[in-house]
């Protein structure tokens, strides 16, 4: 059997060199961390380049553009534009069409968010405890509008909302003469809000369903033994425990509804008489007219409103723990 002798000066030098390899010096450890950091930055570099070119550059450019009178005719010589400061922001609030678009968008948010959340929460509660048979089929069915193309949805809803469509036919069965929903300045926006709520309730239903399944059943059992009825258990136990989930749903919906565009673009083209014109549609039109600076200012007004509303929702719905 081989035996290594570590006694004597030669053996101690061997042990010393082996111990040095097991415990690297500070300089070697620092160099290793630098190599790891360099490798991490190299892996992240493709994303940073794409993000910077396609996100940061347009964001910064549009923000600077909102303080200029940049138009389509200035594309060939962008440095010849004039700095106009905040005058375009002032012009926006003096524009009656922009004010109308802001009012329409506010109505979509104020009416659409509570309506969508209430329907989605009711469906989630029913699927979580009330419906036991074909539960998966119902979940898929309610989520289907989310993954359906807006064009297909528009075709179906145009059929439903025609003067002689399905909705007016059903109203006629009970003696009610329905209006021309999409060509009425009174009913066009509520019709689109209803369609938008129907289209977005599936996403919230899934989120609320996940939140409901995290509510401990022991709490409901204890409340039941104390004599609480179903409404009291829902109001005193379920809703408080769902506050983070409700906050998430409210923020997601507010961001989506403040950018209300597809429904009016496909169904009504902003009409009749701007009754379904939203801020996003107004901004889209200004870009189409070649008023790039004016459109950028409208975009940042909308961005400010989205940020402010999100902060308010976080303030009101945040957990009290």
C-alpha atoms as a PDB file:
ATOM      1  CA  UNK A   1       0.000   0.000   0.000  1.00  0.00           C
ATOM      2  CA  UNK A   2       1.440   3.362  -1.017  1.00  0.00           C
ATOM      3  CA  UNK A   3       2.186   5.790   1.785  1.00  0.00           C
ATOM      4  CA  UNK A   4       3.054   9.470   1.286  1.00  0.00           C
ATOM      5  CA  UNK A   5       5.410  11.030   3.720  1.00  0.00           C
ATOM      6  CA  UNK A   6       4.457  14.596   4.694  1.00  0.00           C
ATOM      7  CA  UNK A   7       7.066  15.058   7.331  1.00  0.00           C
ATOM      8  CA  UNK A   8      10.070  17.261   6.706  1.00  0.00           C
ATOM      9  CA  UNK A   9      10.424  20.533   4.753  1.00  0.00           C
ATOM     10  CA  UNK A  10       9.423  19.038   1.364  1.00  0.00           C
ATOM     11  CA  UNK A  11       6.198  17.551   2.759  1.00  0.00           C
ATOM     12  CA  UNK A  12       5.225  20.814   4.507  1.00  0.00           C
ATOM     13  CA  UNK A  13       5.698  22.766   1.222  1.00  0.00           C
ATOM     14  CA  UNK A  14       3.381  20.273  -0.547  1.00  0.00           C
ATOM     15  CA  UNK A  15       0.726  20.653   2.180  1.00  0.00           C
ATOM     16  CA  UNK A  16       1.069  24.448   1.997  1.00  0.00           C
ATOM     17  CA  UNK A  17       0.526  24.532  -1.799  1.00  0.00           C
ATOM     18  CA  UNK A  18      -2.478  22.145  -1.510  1.00  0.00           C
ATOM     19  CA  UNK A  19      -4.033  24.337   1.223  1.00  0.00           C
ATOM     20  CA  UNK A  20      -3.569  27.403  -1.011  1.00  0.00           C
ATOM     21  CA  UNK A  21      -5.587  25.740  -3.815  1.00  0.00           C
ATOM     22  CA  UNK A  22      -8.444  24.856  -1.437  1.00  0.00           C
ATOM     23  CA  UNK A  23      -8.740  28.451  -0.152  1.00  0.00           C
ATOM     24  CA  UNK A  24      -8.304  30.928  -3.065  1.00  0.00           C
ATOM     25  CA  UNK A  25      -6.950  34.351  -2.309  1.00  0.00           C
ATOM     26  CA  UNK A  26      -9.109  37.531  -2.271  1.00  0.00           C
ATOM     27  CA  UNK A  27      -7.682  38.611  -5.596  1.00  0.00           C
ATOM     28  CA  UNK A  28      -8.622  35.332  -7.225  1.00  0.00           C
ATOM     29  CA  UNK A  29     -12.148  35.444  -5.730  1.00  0.00           C
ATOM     30  CA  UNK A  30     -12.598  39.029  -6.962  1.00  0.00           C
ATOM     31  CA  UNK A  31     -11.495  38.022 -10.428  1.00  0.00           C
ATOM     32  CA  UNK A  32     -13.975  35.142 -10.406  1.00  0.00           C
ATOM     33  CA  UNK A  33     -16.812  37.482  -9.474  1.00  0.00           C
ATOM     34  CA  UNK A  34     -15.816  39.843 -12.264  1.00  0.00           C
ATOM     35  CA  UNK A  35     -15.909  37.001 -14.765  1.00  0.00           C
ATOM     36  CA  UNK A  36     -19.346  35.965 -13.524  1.00  0.00           C
ATOM     37  CA  UNK A  37     -20.568  39.563 -13.713  1.00  0.00           C
ATOM     38  CA  UNK A  38     -19.195  39.931 -17.233  1.00  0.00           C
ATOM     39  CA  UNK A  39     -20.900  36.702 -18.301  1.00  0.00           C
ATOM     40  CA  UNK A  40     -24.201  37.904 -16.799  1.00  0.00           C
ATOM     41  CA  UNK A  41     -23.994  41.218 -18.668  1.00  0.00           C
ATOM     42  CA  UNK A  42     -23.176  39.413 -21.912  1.00  0.00           C
ATOM     43  CA  UNK A  43     -26.271  37.233 -21.493  1.00  0.00           C
ATOM     44  CA  UNK A  44     -28.405  40.311 -20.741  1.00  0.00           C
ATOM     45  CA  UNK A  45     -26.919  42.405 -23.543  1.00  0.00           C
ATOM     46  CA  UNK A  46     -29.283  41.225 -26.346  1.00  0.00           C
ATOM     47  CA  UNK A  47     -32.339  42.080 -24.250  1.00  0.00           C
ATOM     48  CA  UNK A  48     -30.887  45.444 -23.213  1.00  0.00           C
ATOM     49  CA  UNK A  49     -30.145  46.363 -26.827  1.00  0.00           C
ATOM     50  CA  UNK A  50     -33.627  45.393 -28.029  1.00  0.00           C
ATOM     51  CA  UNK A  51     -35.326  47.053 -25.054  1.00  0.00           C
ATOM     52  CA  UNK A  52     -33.272  50.205 -25.440  1.00  0.00           C
ATOM     53  CA  UNK A  53     -33.832  50.504 -29.180  1.00  0.00           C
ATOM     54  CA  UNK A  54     -37.504  49.594 -29.308  1.00  0.00           C
ATOM     55  CA  UNK A  55     -38.676  50.953 -25.919  1.00  0.00           C
ATOM     56  CA  UNK A  56     -36.406  53.566 -24.374  1.00  0.00           C
ATOM     57  CA  UNK A  57     -35.613  55.431 -27.593  1.00  0.00           C
ATOM     58  CA  UNK A  58     -39.303  55.791 -28.620  1.00  0.00           C
ATOM     59  CA  UNK A  59     -40.299  56.731 -25.058  1.00  0.00           C
ATOM     60  CA  UNK A  60     -37.688  59.439 -24.712  1.00  0.00           C
ATOM     61  CA  UNK A  61     -38.251  60.657 -28.282  1.00  0.00           C
ATOM     62  CA  UNK A  62     -42.017  60.915 -27.875  1.00  0.00           C
ATOM     63  CA  UNK A  63     -41.612  62.711 -24.543  1.00  0.00           C
ATOM     64  CA  UNK A  64     -39.291  65.286 -26.120  1.00  0.00           C
ATOM     65  CA  UNK A  65     -41.581  65.473 -29.156  1.00  0.00           C
ATOM     66  CA  UNK A  66     -44.511  66.476 -26.951  1.00  0.00           C
ATOM     67  CA  UNK A  67     -42.735  69.804 -26.282  1.00  0.00           C
ATOM     68  CA  UNK A  68     -42.288  70.567 -29.981  1.00  0.00           C
ATOM     69  CA  UNK A  69     -44.564  71.246 -32.952  1.00  0.00           C
ATOM     70  CA  UNK A  70     -43.257  68.156 -34.750  1.00  0.00           C
ATOM     71  CA  UNK A  71     -45.439  67.274 -37.757  1.00  0.00           C
ATOM     72  CA  UNK A  72     -45.265  64.835 -40.648  1.00  0.00           C
ATOM     73  CA  UNK A  73     -43.647  67.514 -42.818  1.00  0.00           C
ATOM     74  CA  UNK A  74     -40.704  67.709 -40.367  1.00  0.00           C
ATOM     75  CA  UNK A  75     -39.650  64.078 -40.741  1.00  0.00           C
ATOM     76  CA  UNK A  76     -37.023  64.960 -43.358  1.00  0.00           C
ATOM     77  CA  UNK A  77     -35.522  67.682 -41.131  1.00  0.00           C
ATOM     78  CA  UNK A  78     -36.367  66.842 -37.504  1.00  0.00           C
ATOM     79  CA  UNK A  79     -33.913  69.381 -36.041  1.00  0.00           C
ATOM     80  CA  UNK A  80     -35.828  72.264 -37.630  1.00  0.00           C
ATOM     81  CA  UNK A  81     -38.864  71.840 -35.340  1.00  0.00           C
ATOM     82  CA  UNK A  82     -39.698  74.574 -32.843  1.00  0.00           C
ATOM     83  CA  UNK A  83     -39.756  74.168 -29.072  1.00  0.00           C
ATOM     84  CA  UNK A  84     -43.237  75.121 -27.866  1.00  0.00           C
ATOM     85  CA  UNK A  85     -42.989  74.071 -24.202  1.00  0.00           C
ATOM     86  CA  UNK A  86     -46.289  73.176 -22.555  1.00  0.00           C
ATOM     87  CA  UNK A  87     -48.445  74.993 -25.092  1.00  0.00           C
ATOM     88  CA  UNK A  88     -49.609  71.747 -26.741  1.00  0.00           C
ATOM     89  CA  UNK A  89     -50.722  70.400 -23.372  1.00  0.00           C
ATOM     90  CA  UNK A  90     -52.705  73.603 -22.910  1.00  0.00           C
ATOM     91  CA  UNK A  91     -54.168  73.273 -26.413  1.00  0.00           C
ATOM     92  CA  UNK A  92     -55.264  69.728 -25.622  1.00  0.00           C
ATOM     93  CA  UNK A  93     -57.399  70.791 -22.692  1.00  0.00           C
ATOM     94  CA  UNK A  94     -58.852  73.574 -24.832  1.00  0.00           C
ATOM     95  CA  UNK A  95     -59.778  71.068 -27.552  1.00  0.00           C
ATOM     96  CA  UNK A  96     -63.473  70.142 -27.267  1.00  0.00           C
ATOM     97  CA  UNK A  97     -62.912  66.825 -29.037  1.00  0.00           C
ATOM     98  CA  UNK A  98     -60.167  65.846 -26.568  1.00  0.00           C
ATOM     99  CA  UNK A  99     -62.380  66.761 -23.628  1.00  0.00           C
ATOM    100  CA  UNK A 100     -65.141  64.614 -25.132  1.00  0.00           C
ATOM    101  CA  UNK A 101     -62.664  61.741 -25.527  1.00  0.00           C
ATOM    102  CA  UNK A 102     -61.589  62.122 -21.880  1.00  0.00           C
ATOM    103  CA  UNK A 103     -65.213  62.078 -20.730  1.00  0.00           C
ATOM    104  CA  UNK A 104     -65.937  58.929 -22.750  1.00  0.00           C
ATOM    105  CA  UNK A 105     -62.828  57.232 -21.379  1.00  0.00           C
ATOM    106  CA  UNK A 106     -63.763  58.220 -17.834  1.00  0.00           C
ATOM    107  CA  UNK A 107     -67.230  56.688 -18.320  1.00  0.00           C
ATOM    108  CA  UNK A 108     -65.668  53.466 -19.589  1.00  0.00           C
ATOM    109  CA  UNK A 109     -63.468  53.312 -16.484  1.00  0.00           C
ATOM    110  CA  UNK A 110     -66.072  54.360 -13.912  1.00  0.00           C
ATOM    111  CA  UNK A 111     -68.826  52.091 -15.246  1.00  0.00           C
ATOM    112  CA  UNK A 112     -66.790  49.321 -16.848  1.00  0.00           C
ATOM    113  CA  UNK A 113     -64.425  48.423 -14.004  1.00  0.00           C
ATOM    114  CA  UNK A 114     -67.077  47.864 -11.271  1.00  0.00           C
ATOM    115  CA  UNK A 115     -69.332  46.060 -13.758  1.00  0.00           C
ATOM    116  CA  UNK A 116     -66.575  43.732 -14.949  1.00  0.00           C
ATOM    117  CA  UNK A 117     -65.288  43.051 -11.430  1.00  0.00           C
ATOM    118  CA  UNK A 118     -68.776  42.326 -10.086  1.00  0.00           C
ATOM    119  CA  UNK A 119     -69.586  39.872 -12.894  1.00  0.00           C
ATOM    120  CA  UNK A 120     -66.186  38.189 -12.677  1.00  0.00           C
ATOM    121  CA  UNK A 121     -66.390  37.852  -8.885  1.00  0.00           C
ATOM    122  CA  UNK A 122     -69.917  36.406  -9.067  1.00  0.00           C
ATOM    123  CA  UNK A 123     -68.796  33.865 -11.663  1.00  0.00           C
ATOM    124  CA  UNK A 124     -65.703  32.971  -9.634  1.00  0.00           C
ATOM    125  CA  UNK A 125     -67.741  32.432  -6.455  1.00  0.00           C
ATOM    126  CA  UNK A 126     -70.256  30.302  -8.364  1.00  0.00           C
ATOM    127  CA  UNK A 127     -67.536  28.190  -9.959  1.00  0.00           C
ATOM    128  CA  UNK A 128     -65.673  27.861  -6.666  1.00  0.00           C
ATOM    129  CA  UNK A 129     -68.577  26.633  -4.568  1.00  0.00           C
ATOM    130  CA  UNK A 130     -71.959  26.829  -6.290  1.00  0.00           C
ATOM    131  CA  UNK A 131     -71.419  24.875  -9.501  1.00  0.00           C
ATOM    132  CA  UNK A 132     -70.163  21.321  -9.120  1.00  0.00           C
ATOM    133  CA  UNK A 133     -71.075  19.679 -12.448  1.00  0.00           C
ATOM    134  CA  UNK A 134     -69.307  20.658 -15.688  1.00  0.00           C
ATOM    135  CA  UNK A 135     -67.169  23.151 -13.765  1.00  0.00           C
ATOM    136  CA  UNK A 136     -64.248  22.907 -16.190  1.00  0.00           C
ATOM    137  CA  UNK A 137     -66.551  23.422 -19.182  1.00  0.00           C
ATOM    138  CA  UNK A 138     -67.965  26.582 -17.603  1.00  0.00           C
ATOM    139  CA  UNK A 139     -64.463  27.902 -16.881  1.00  0.00           C
ATOM    140  CA  UNK A 140     -63.391  27.371 -20.480  1.00  0.00           C
ATOM    141  CA  UNK A 141     -66.624  28.879 -21.778  1.00  0.00           C
ATOM    142  CA  UNK A 142     -66.354  32.052 -19.705  1.00  0.00           C
ATOM    143  CA  UNK A 143     -62.668  32.464 -20.621  1.00  0.00           C
ATOM    144  CA  UNK A 144     -63.237  31.975 -24.352  1.00  0.00           C
ATOM    145  CA  UNK A 145     -63.990  35.688 -25.125  1.00  0.00           C
ATOM    146  CA  UNK A 146     -60.526  36.624 -23.799  1.00  0.00           C
ATOM    147  CA  UNK A 147     -58.715  34.559 -26.410  1.00  0.00           C
ATOM    148  CA  UNK A 148     -61.147  35.323 -29.225  1.00  0.00           C
ATOM    149  CA  UNK A 149     -60.133  37.831 -31.894  1.00  0.00           C
ATOM    150  CA  UNK A 150     -61.733  41.256 -31.564  1.00  0.00           C
ATOM    151  CA  UNK A 151     -62.815  41.003 -35.210  1.00  0.00           C
ATOM    152  CA  UNK A 152     -64.767  37.803 -34.531  1.00  0.00           C
ATOM    153  CA  UNK A 153     -66.239  39.362 -31.394  1.00  0.00           C
ATOM    154  CA  UNK A 154     -67.250  42.450 -33.373  1.00  0.00           C
ATOM    155  CA  UNK A 155     -69.054  40.367 -35.991  1.00  0.00           C
ATOM    156  CA  UNK A 156     -71.064  38.572 -33.296  1.00  0.00           C
ATOM    157  CA  UNK A 157     -71.903  41.743 -31.377  1.00  0.00           C
ATOM    158  CA  UNK A 158     -72.853  43.622 -34.532  1.00  0.00           C
ATOM    159  CA  UNK A 159     -75.416  40.894 -35.165  1.00  0.00           C
ATOM    160  CA  UNK A 160     -76.652  41.131 -31.576  1.00  0.00           C
ATOM    161  CA  UNK A 161     -76.892  44.941 -31.566  1.00  0.00           C
ATOM    162  CA  UNK A 162     -78.454  45.505 -34.982  1.00  0.00           C
ATOM    163  CA  UNK A 163     -81.900  47.213 -34.978  1.00  0.00           C
ATOM    164  CA  UNK A 164     -83.389  43.836 -35.983  1.00  0.00           C
ATOM    165  CA  UNK A 165     -80.729  41.855 -34.122  1.00  0.00           C
ATOM    166  CA  UNK A 166     -80.913  39.291 -31.362  1.00  0.00           C
ATOM    167  CA  UNK A 167     -81.124  41.763 -28.452  1.00  0.00           C
ATOM    168  CA  UNK A 168     -83.987  43.792 -29.914  1.00  0.00           C
ATOM    169  CA  UNK A 169     -85.770  40.573 -30.879  1.00  0.00           C
ATOM    170  CA  UNK A 170     -85.579  39.373 -27.266  1.00  0.00           C
ATOM    171  CA  UNK A 171     -86.741  42.771 -26.001  1.00  0.00           C
ATOM    172  CA  UNK A 172     -89.652  42.585 -28.436  1.00  0.00           C
ATOM    173  CA  UNK A 173     -90.823  39.368 -26.757  1.00  0.00           C
ATOM    174  CA  UNK A 174     -91.603  41.430 -23.622  1.00  0.00           C
ATOM    175  CA  UNK A 175     -93.056  44.386 -25.554  1.00  0.00           C
ATOM    176  CA  UNK A 176     -89.965  46.656 -25.542  1.00  0.00           C
ATOM    177  CA  UNK A 177     -88.861  48.359 -28.747  1.00  0.00           C
ATOM    178  CA  UNK A 178     -85.069  48.486 -28.611  1.00  0.00           C
ATOM    179  CA  UNK A 179     -83.019  51.355 -30.094  1.00  0.00           C
ATOM    180  CA  UNK A 180     -80.393  51.265 -32.836  1.00  0.00           C
ATOM    181  CA  UNK A 181     -77.661  50.538 -30.305  1.00  0.00           C
ATOM    182  CA  UNK A 182     -74.544  51.302 -32.340  1.00  0.00           C
ATOM    183  CA  UNK A 183     -75.887  54.390 -34.161  1.00  0.00           C
ATOM    184  CA  UNK A 184     -77.414  56.152 -31.180  1.00  0.00           C
ATOM    185  CA  UNK A 185     -75.377  58.838 -29.401  1.00  0.00           C
ATOM    186  CA  UNK A 186     -77.068  57.716 -26.175  1.00  0.00           C
ATOM    187  CA  UNK A 187     -76.644  53.950 -26.427  1.00  0.00           C
ATOM    188  CA  UNK A 188     -73.469  53.434 -28.477  1.00  0.00           C
ATOM    189  CA  UNK A 189     -71.028  53.880 -25.574  1.00  0.00           C
ATOM    190  CA  UNK A 190     -73.039  51.771 -23.071  1.00  0.00           C
ATOM    191  CA  UNK A 191     -73.236  49.052 -25.724  1.00  0.00           C
ATOM    192  CA  UNK A 192     -69.468  49.048 -26.119  1.00  0.00           C
ATOM    193  CA  UNK A 193     -68.965  49.071 -22.348  1.00  0.00           C
ATOM    194  CA  UNK A 194     -71.179  45.983 -22.063  1.00  0.00           C
ATOM    195  CA  UNK A 195     -69.243  44.232 -24.812  1.00  0.00           C
ATOM    196  CA  UNK A 196     -65.933  45.189 -23.189  1.00  0.00           C
ATOM    197  CA  UNK A 197     -67.048  43.864 -19.795  1.00  0.00           C
ATOM    198  CA  UNK A 198     -68.149  40.588 -21.412  1.00  0.00           C
ATOM    199  CA  UNK A 199     -64.832  40.296 -23.225  1.00  0.00           C
ATOM    200  CA  UNK A 200     -62.644  40.947 -20.150  1.00  0.00           C
ATOM    201  CA  UNK A 201     -64.548  39.152 -17.395  1.00  0.00           C
ATOM    202  CA  UNK A 202     -62.803  35.835 -18.147  1.00  0.00           C
ATOM    203  CA  UNK A 203     -59.362  37.059 -17.124  1.00  0.00           C
ATOM    204  CA  UNK A 204     -60.601  38.449 -13.820  1.00  0.00           C
ATOM    205  CA  UNK A 205     -62.690  35.336 -13.209  1.00  0.00           C
ATOM    206  CA  UNK A 206     -59.543  33.187 -13.358  1.00  0.00           C
ATOM    207  CA  UNK A 207     -57.651  35.567 -11.049  1.00  0.00           C
ATOM    208  CA  UNK A 208     -60.508  35.740  -8.535  1.00  0.00           C
ATOM    209  CA  UNK A 209     -60.937  31.969  -8.656  1.00  0.00           C
ATOM    210  CA  UNK A 210     -57.290  31.532  -7.695  1.00  0.00           C
ATOM    211  CA  UNK A 211     -57.759  33.998  -4.846  1.00  0.00           C
ATOM    212  CA  UNK A 212     -60.889  32.228  -3.568  1.00  0.00           C
ATOM    213  CA  UNK A 213     -59.122  28.882  -3.475  1.00  0.00           C
ATOM    214  CA  UNK A 214     -56.541  30.378  -1.103  1.00  0.00           C
ATOM    215  CA  UNK A 215     -59.168  31.352   1.482  1.00  0.00           C
ATOM    216  CA  UNK A 216     -58.822  28.856   4.377  1.00  0.00           C
ATOM    217  CA  UNK A 217     -62.059  26.813   4.676  1.00  0.00           C
ATOM    218  CA  UNK A 218     -61.541  26.616   8.467  1.00  0.00           C
ATOM    219  CA  UNK A 219     -62.499  30.284   8.733  1.00  0.00           C
ATOM    220  CA  UNK A 220     -65.834  29.681   7.011  1.00  0.00           C
ATOM    221  CA  UNK A 221     -66.469  26.607   9.164  1.00  0.00           C
ATOM    222  CA  UNK A 222     -65.781  28.570  12.349  1.00  0.00           C
ATOM    223  CA  UNK A 223     -68.014  31.435  11.193  1.00  0.00           C
ATOM    224  CA  UNK A 224     -70.782  28.972  10.335  1.00  0.00           C
ATOM    225  CA  UNK A 225     -70.588  27.470  13.805  1.00  0.00           C
ATOM    226  CA  UNK A 226     -70.888  30.995  15.220  1.00  0.00           C
ATOM    227  CA  UNK A 227     -74.123  31.497  13.282  1.00  0.00           C
ATOM    228  CA  UNK A 228     -72.899  33.611  10.341  1.00  0.00           C
ATOM    229  CA  UNK A 229     -74.926  33.245   7.149  1.00  0.00           C
ATOM    230  CA  UNK A 230     -73.477  33.023   3.634  1.00  0.00           C
ATOM    231  CA  UNK A 231     -73.587  36.794   2.973  1.00  0.00           C
ATOM    232  CA  UNK A 232     -71.899  37.593   6.288  1.00  0.00           C
ATOM    233  CA  UNK A 233     -69.159  35.053   5.626  1.00  0.00           C
ATOM    234  CA  UNK A 234     -68.606  36.500   2.144  1.00  0.00           C
ATOM    235  CA  UNK A 235     -68.521  40.100   3.366  1.00  0.00           C
ATOM    236  CA  UNK A 236     -66.537  39.539   6.587  1.00  0.00           C
ATOM    237  CA  UNK A 237     -64.112  36.780   5.514  1.00  0.00           C
ATOM    238  CA  UNK A 238     -63.907  36.355   1.753  1.00  0.00           C
ATOM    239  CA  UNK A 239     -63.764  39.978   0.635  1.00  0.00           C
ATOM    240  CA  UNK A 240     -61.102  41.102   3.175  1.00  0.00           C
ATOM    241  CA  UNK A 241     -58.880  38.141   2.259  1.00  0.00           C
ATOM    242  CA  UNK A 242     -59.361  38.936  -1.429  1.00  0.00           C
ATOM    243  CA  UNK A 243     -58.129  42.527  -1.149  1.00  0.00           C
ATOM    244  CA  UNK A 244     -54.736  41.854  -2.835  1.00  0.00           C
ATOM    245  CA  UNK A 245     -56.504  39.938  -5.614  1.00  0.00           C
ATOM    246  CA  UNK A 246     -59.082  42.699  -6.042  1.00  0.00           C
ATOM    247  CA  UNK A 247     -56.250  45.245  -6.214  1.00  0.00           C
ATOM    248  CA  UNK A 248     -54.530  43.272  -8.953  1.00  0.00           C
ATOM    249  CA  UNK A 249     -57.750  42.992 -10.935  1.00  0.00           C
ATOM    250  CA  UNK A 250     -58.584  46.678 -10.525  1.00  0.00           C
ATOM    251  CA  UNK A 251     -55.134  47.807 -11.678  1.00  0.00           C
ATOM    252  CA  UNK A 252     -55.153  45.474 -14.696  1.00  0.00           C
ATOM    253  CA  UNK A 253     -58.613  46.626 -15.715  1.00  0.00           C
ATOM    254  CA  UNK A 254     -57.905  50.327 -15.223  1.00  0.00           C
ATOM    255  CA  UNK A 255     -54.810  50.147 -17.429  1.00  0.00           C
ATOM    256  CA  UNK A 256     -56.769  48.286 -20.103  1.00  0.00           C
ATOM    257  CA  UNK A 257     -59.914  50.447 -19.956  1.00  0.00           C
ATOM    258  CA  UNK A 258     -57.997  53.735 -19.978  1.00  0.00           C
ATOM    259  CA  UNK A 259     -56.525  52.541 -23.289  1.00  0.00           C
ATOM    260  CA  UNK A 260     -60.001  51.728 -24.628  1.00  0.00           C
ATOM    261  CA  UNK A 261     -59.505  51.576 -28.404  1.00  0.00           C
ATOM    262  CA  UNK A 262     -60.163  48.289 -30.208  1.00  0.00           C
ATOM    263  CA  UNK A 263     -63.882  48.099 -29.523  1.00  0.00           C
ATOM    264  CA  UNK A 264     -64.687  51.588 -30.799  1.00  0.00           C
ATOM    265  CA  UNK A 265     -62.228  51.246 -33.695  1.00  0.00           C
ATOM    266  CA  UNK A 266     -63.827  48.049 -34.948  1.00  0.00           C
ATOM    267  CA  UNK A 267     -67.470  48.659 -34.045  1.00  0.00           C
ATOM    268  CA  UNK A 268     -68.195  52.388 -34.412  1.00  0.00           C
ATOM    269  CA  UNK A 269     -65.010  54.173 -35.616  1.00  0.00           C
ATOM    270  CA  UNK A 270     -65.465  56.602 -32.713  1.00  0.00           C
ATOM    271  CA  UNK A 271     -68.968  57.648 -33.751  1.00  0.00           C
ATOM    272  CA  UNK A 272     -71.680  58.584 -33.891  1.00  0.00           C
ATOM    273  CA  UNK A 273     -70.660  62.217 -33.314  1.00  0.00           C
ATOM    274  CA  UNK A 274     -67.614  61.197 -31.221  1.00  0.00           C
ATOM    275  CA  UNK A 275     -69.869  59.482 -28.675  1.00  0.00           C
ATOM    276  CA  UNK A 276     -67.471  56.491 -28.515  1.00  0.00           C
ATOM    277  CA  UNK A 277     -64.222  58.379 -29.137  1.00  0.00           C
ATOM    278  CA  UNK A 278     -61.628  57.517 -26.480  1.00  0.00           C
ATOM    279  CA  UNK A 279     -58.322  59.206 -25.633  1.00  0.00           C
ATOM    280  CA  UNK A 280     -56.395  56.384 -27.313  1.00  0.00           C
ATOM    281  CA  UNK A 281     -58.515  56.737 -30.449  1.00  0.00           C
ATOM    282  CA  UNK A 282     -58.048  60.513 -30.382  1.00  0.00           C
ATOM    283  CA  UNK A 283     -54.255  60.016 -30.129  1.00  0.00           C
ATOM    284  CA  UNK A 284     -54.349  57.490 -32.963  1.00  0.00           C
ATOM    285  CA  UNK A 285     -56.203  59.996 -35.148  1.00  0.00           C
ATOM    286  CA  UNK A 286     -53.692  62.777 -34.396  1.00  0.00           C
ATOM    287  CA  UNK A 287     -50.810  60.525 -35.437  1.00  0.00           C
ATOM    288  CA  UNK A 288     -52.760  59.772 -38.613  1.00  0.00           C
ATOM    289  CA  UNK A 289     -53.183  63.501 -39.263  1.00  0.00           C
ATOM    290  CA  UNK A 290     -49.400  63.922 -38.975  1.00  0.00           C
ATOM    291  CA  UNK A 291     -49.548  65.955 -35.725  1.00  0.00           C
ATOM    292  CA  UNK A 292     -46.837  63.945 -33.981  1.00  0.00           C
ATOM    293  CA  UNK A 293     -46.063  66.472 -31.262  1.00  0.00           C
ATOM    294  CA  UNK A 294     -49.746  66.968 -30.438  1.00  0.00           C
ATOM    295  CA  UNK A 295     -50.352  63.214 -30.372  1.00  0.00           C
ATOM    296  CA  UNK A 296     -47.334  62.699 -28.090  1.00  0.00           C
ATOM    297  CA  UNK A 297     -48.701  65.276 -25.656  1.00  0.00           C
ATOM    298  CA  UNK A 298     -52.056  63.425 -25.604  1.00  0.00           C
ATOM    299  CA  UNK A 299     -50.205  60.157 -24.955  1.00  0.00           C
ATOM    300  CA  UNK A 300     -48.430  61.569 -21.911  1.00  0.00           C
ATOM    301  CA  UNK A 301     -51.645  63.012 -20.525  1.00  0.00           C
ATOM    302  CA  UNK A 302     -53.093  59.498 -20.720  1.00  0.00           C
ATOM    303  CA  UNK A 303     -49.928  58.041 -19.145  1.00  0.00           C
ATOM    304  CA  UNK A 304     -50.200  60.494 -16.242  1.00  0.00           C
ATOM    305  CA  UNK A 305     -53.847  59.568 -15.661  1.00  0.00           C
ATOM    306  CA  UNK A 306     -53.011  55.834 -15.684  1.00  0.00           C
ATOM    307  CA  UNK A 307     -50.195  56.338 -13.158  1.00  0.00           C
ATOM    308  CA  UNK A 308     -52.358  58.513 -10.896  1.00  0.00           C
ATOM    309  CA  UNK A 309     -55.301  56.075 -10.950  1.00  0.00           C
ATOM    310  CA  UNK A 310     -53.004  53.126 -10.201  1.00  0.00           C
ATOM    311  CA  UNK A 311     -51.549  54.963  -7.203  1.00  0.00           C
ATOM    312  CA  UNK A 312     -55.063  55.718  -5.902  1.00  0.00           C
ATOM    313  CA  UNK A 313     -56.069  52.070  -6.268  1.00  0.00           C
ATOM    314  CA  UNK A 314     -52.955  50.904  -4.436  1.00  0.00           C
ATOM    315  CA  UNK A 315     -53.775  53.388  -1.697  1.00  0.00           C
ATOM    316  CA  UNK A 316     -57.404  52.307  -1.318  1.00  0.00           C
ATOM    317  CA  UNK A 317     -57.109  48.527  -1.809  1.00  0.00           C
ATOM    318  CA  UNK A 318     -53.743  47.747  -0.269  1.00  0.00           C
ATOM    319  CA  UNK A 319     -53.638  45.223   2.531  1.00  0.00           C
ATOM    320  CA  UNK A 320     -54.205  46.645   6.018  1.00  0.00           C
ATOM    321  CA  UNK A 321     -51.918  44.101   7.696  1.00  0.00           C
END
